[in-house]
C-alpha atoms as a PDB file:
ATOM      1  CA  MET A   1     -34.939  80.200   7.096  1.00  0.00           C
ATOM      2  CA  ALA A   2     -37.519  77.959   8.022  1.00  0.00           C
ATOM      3  CA  LEU A   3     -38.803  77.206  11.389  1.00  0.00           C
ATOM      4  CA  HIS A   4     -39.662  73.298  12.046  1.00  0.00           C
ATOM      5  CA  VAL A   5     -42.318  72.696  14.523  1.00  0.00           C
ATOM      6  CA  LEU A   6     -43.362  68.618  15.401  1.00  0.00           C
ATOM      7  CA  ALA A   7     -45.990  68.130  17.808  1.00  0.00           C
ATOM      8  CA  LEU A   8     -46.725  64.240  19.097  1.00  0.00           C
ATOM      9  CA  ALA A   9     -49.919  63.175  20.511  1.00  0.00           C
ATOM     10  CA  VAL A  10     -49.899  60.448  22.680  1.00  0.00           C
ATOM     11  CA  ASP A  11     -53.299  58.124  23.926  1.00  0.00           C
ATOM     12  CA  LEU A  12     -52.472  56.667  27.286  1.00  0.00           C
ATOM     13  CA  ARG A  13     -54.327  53.815  29.048  1.00  0.00           C
ATOM     14  CA  ILE A  14     -53.096  53.923  32.726  1.00  0.00           C
ATOM     15  CA  PRO A  15     -55.125  50.913  34.346  1.00  0.00           C
ATOM     16  CA  ASN A  16     -54.400  50.971  37.732  1.00  0.00           C
ATOM     17  CA  ALA A  17     -55.991  54.381  38.262  1.00  0.00           C
ATOM     18  CA  ASP A  18     -58.352  54.428  40.116  1.00  0.00           C
ATOM     19  CA  SER A  19     -59.834  58.058  40.512  1.00  0.00           C
ATOM     20  CA  LEU A  20     -58.932  61.055  38.292  1.00  0.00           C
ATOM     21  CA  LYS A  21     -56.302  61.794  41.543  1.00  0.00           C
ATOM     22  CA  ASP A  22     -54.087  58.572  40.256  1.00  0.00           C
ATOM     23  CA  LYS A  23     -53.873  59.804  36.524  1.00  0.00           C
ATOM     24  CA  ARG A  24     -53.130  63.037  37.247  1.00  0.00           C
ATOM     25  CA  SER A  25     -50.591  62.283  39.479  1.00  0.00           C
ATOM     26  CA  VAL A  26     -49.172  60.220  36.488  1.00  0.00           C
ATOM     27  CA  VAL A  27     -49.566  62.587  33.989  1.00  0.00           C
ATOM     28  CA  ARG A  28     -47.892  65.415  35.752  1.00  0.00           C
ATOM     29  CA  THR A  29     -44.885  62.974  36.456  1.00  0.00           C
ATOM     30  CA  ILE A  30     -45.123  62.489  32.818  1.00  0.00           C
ATOM     31  CA  THR A  31     -45.374  65.842  31.736  1.00  0.00           C
ATOM     32  CA  ASP A  32     -42.897  67.525  34.308  1.00  0.00           C
ATOM     33  CA  GLY A  33     -40.349  65.134  33.473  1.00  0.00           C
ATOM     34  CA  ALA A  34     -40.477  65.266  29.831  1.00  0.00           C
ATOM     35  CA  ARG A  35     -40.197  69.528  30.525  1.00  0.00           C
ATOM     36  CA  ARG A  36     -37.081  69.004  32.266  1.00  0.00           C
ATOM     37  CA  ARG A  37     -35.731  66.481  31.144  1.00  0.00           C
ATOM     38  CA  HIS A  38     -35.984  67.309  27.064  1.00  0.00           C
ATOM     39  CA  GLY A  39     -37.001  70.924  27.052  1.00  0.00           C
ATOM     40  CA  VAL A  40     -40.615  70.482  25.153  1.00  0.00           C
ATOM     41  CA  SER A  41     -43.665  72.101  25.659  1.00  0.00           C
ATOM     42  CA  ALA A  42     -46.127  69.418  27.277  1.00  0.00           C
ATOM     43  CA  ALA A  43     -49.706  69.011  28.038  1.00  0.00           C
ATOM     44  CA  GLU A  44     -52.675  66.749  28.312  1.00  0.00           C
ATOM     45  CA  THR A  45     -54.721  67.925  25.705  1.00  0.00           C
ATOM     46  CA  GLY A  46     -57.488  65.424  25.804  1.00  0.00           C
ATOM     47  CA  ARG A  47     -59.907  62.753  27.695  1.00  0.00           C
ATOM     48  CA  ASN A  48     -60.050  65.168  30.846  1.00  0.00           C
ATOM     49  CA  ASP A  49     -62.765  63.219  32.968  1.00  0.00           C
ATOM     50  CA  ASP A  50     -62.024  59.246  32.006  1.00  0.00           C
ATOM     51  CA  HIS A  51     -60.039  58.209  35.067  1.00  0.00           C
ATOM     52  CA  GLN A  52     -57.734  55.043  32.986  1.00  0.00           C
ATOM     53  CA  ARG A  53     -57.182  57.423  29.622  1.00  0.00           C
ATOM     54  CA  ALA A  54     -55.115  60.015  28.719  1.00  0.00           C
ATOM     55  CA  GLU A  55     -54.040  62.147  25.887  1.00  0.00           C
ATOM     56  CA  LEU A  56     -50.860  64.155  25.953  1.00  0.00           C
ATOM     57  CA  GLY A  57     -49.107  66.126  23.359  1.00  0.00           C
ATOM     58  CA  PHE A  58     -45.650  67.610  22.869  1.00  0.00           C
ATOM     59  CA  ALA A  59     -44.249  70.336  20.957  1.00  0.00           C
ATOM     60  CA  VAL A  60     -40.624  71.487  20.144  1.00  0.00           C
ATOM     61  CA  VAL A  61     -39.284  73.715  17.918  1.00  0.00           C
ATOM     62  CA  ALA A  62     -35.989  73.673  16.129  1.00  0.00           C
ATOM     63  CA  SER A  63     -34.013  75.968  12.802  1.00  0.00           C
ATOM     64  CA  SER A  64     -33.724  71.967  11.890  1.00  0.00           C
ATOM     65  CA  PRO A  65     -36.194  68.915  11.842  1.00  0.00           C
ATOM     66  CA  GLY A  66     -33.109  66.523  12.410  1.00  0.00           C
ATOM     67  CA  HIS A  67     -33.571  67.758  15.517  1.00  0.00           C
ATOM     68  CA  CYS A  68     -36.643  68.184  16.310  1.00  0.00           C
ATOM     69  CA  THR A  69     -37.256  64.398  15.371  1.00  0.00           C
ATOM     70  CA  GLU A  70     -34.104  63.605  17.888  1.00  0.00           C
ATOM     71  CA  VAL A  71     -35.872  65.493  20.077  1.00  0.00           C
ATOM     72  CA  LEU A  72     -39.145  64.012  19.992  1.00  0.00           C
ATOM     73  CA  ASP A  73     -37.910  60.467  19.438  1.00  0.00           C
ATOM     74  CA  ALA A  74     -36.048  60.422  23.139  1.00  0.00           C
ATOM     75  CA  VAL A  75     -39.636  62.090  24.863  1.00  0.00           C
ATOM     76  CA  GLU A  76     -41.865  58.885  23.261  1.00  0.00           C
ATOM     77  CA  ARG A  77     -38.699  57.308  24.420  1.00  0.00           C
ATOM     78  CA  PHE A  78     -39.370  58.670  28.018  1.00  0.00           C
ATOM     79  CA  VAL A  79     -42.746  57.872  27.420  1.00  0.00           C
ATOM     80  CA  TRP A  80     -42.903  54.476  26.659  1.00  0.00           C
ATOM     81  CA  SER A  81     -40.204  54.095  29.934  1.00  0.00           C
ATOM     82  CA  PHE A  82     -43.355  53.955  32.487  1.00  0.00           C
ATOM     83  CA  PRO A  83     -43.973  50.866  33.610  1.00  0.00           C
ATOM     84  CA  GLU A  84     -48.008  51.883  34.409  1.00  0.00           C
ATOM     85  CA  ILE A  85     -49.032  53.057  31.548  1.00  0.00           C
ATOM     86  CA  ASP A  86     -49.756  51.463  28.034  1.00  0.00           C
ATOM     87  CA  VAL A  87     -49.204  53.384  25.168  1.00  0.00           C
ATOM     88  CA  VAL A  88     -52.142  53.131  23.181  1.00  0.00           C
ATOM     89  CA  ALA A  89     -51.154  55.254  20.143  1.00  0.00           C
ATOM     90  CA  THR A  90     -48.873  57.882  19.544  1.00  0.00           C
ATOM     91  CA  ASP A  91     -49.554  60.792  16.173  1.00  0.00           C
ATOM     92  CA  ARG A  92     -46.909  63.050  15.063  1.00  0.00           C
ATOM     93  CA  HIS A  93     -47.526  66.229  13.092  1.00  0.00           C
ATOM     94  CA  TRP A  94     -45.284  68.866  11.518  1.00  0.00           C
ATOM     95  CA  THR A  95     -45.379  72.664  11.151  1.00  0.00           C
ATOM     96  CA  GLU A  96     -43.240  74.244   8.601  1.00  0.00           C
ATOM     97  CA  VAL A  97     -43.055  78.153   9.221  1.00  0.00           C
ATOM     98  CA  ASP A  98     -41.209  80.772   6.810  1.00  0.00           C
ATOM     99  CA  ARG A  99     -39.926  83.658   8.306  1.00  0.00           C
END
């Protein structure tokens, strides 16, 4: 049986963030919301010291690739729903582990 892992990286611009505190508030809202709503792992993974940019990472593990895709499609729609951010780029990476 294979275990499927799909990771999503999202590069964001937060134009109205005037400080790291402003940025962290937006990032926390997105990552906490994705965890609660979609049951994914979520973290700020890059651009930590730039107050108007952020890189977020999300991951899901499932027994089928279709379920992974559905979950991260929903996460991506969730991220795009925030009017205070601009999504610069997204990237997905698959891993499959045979057990």
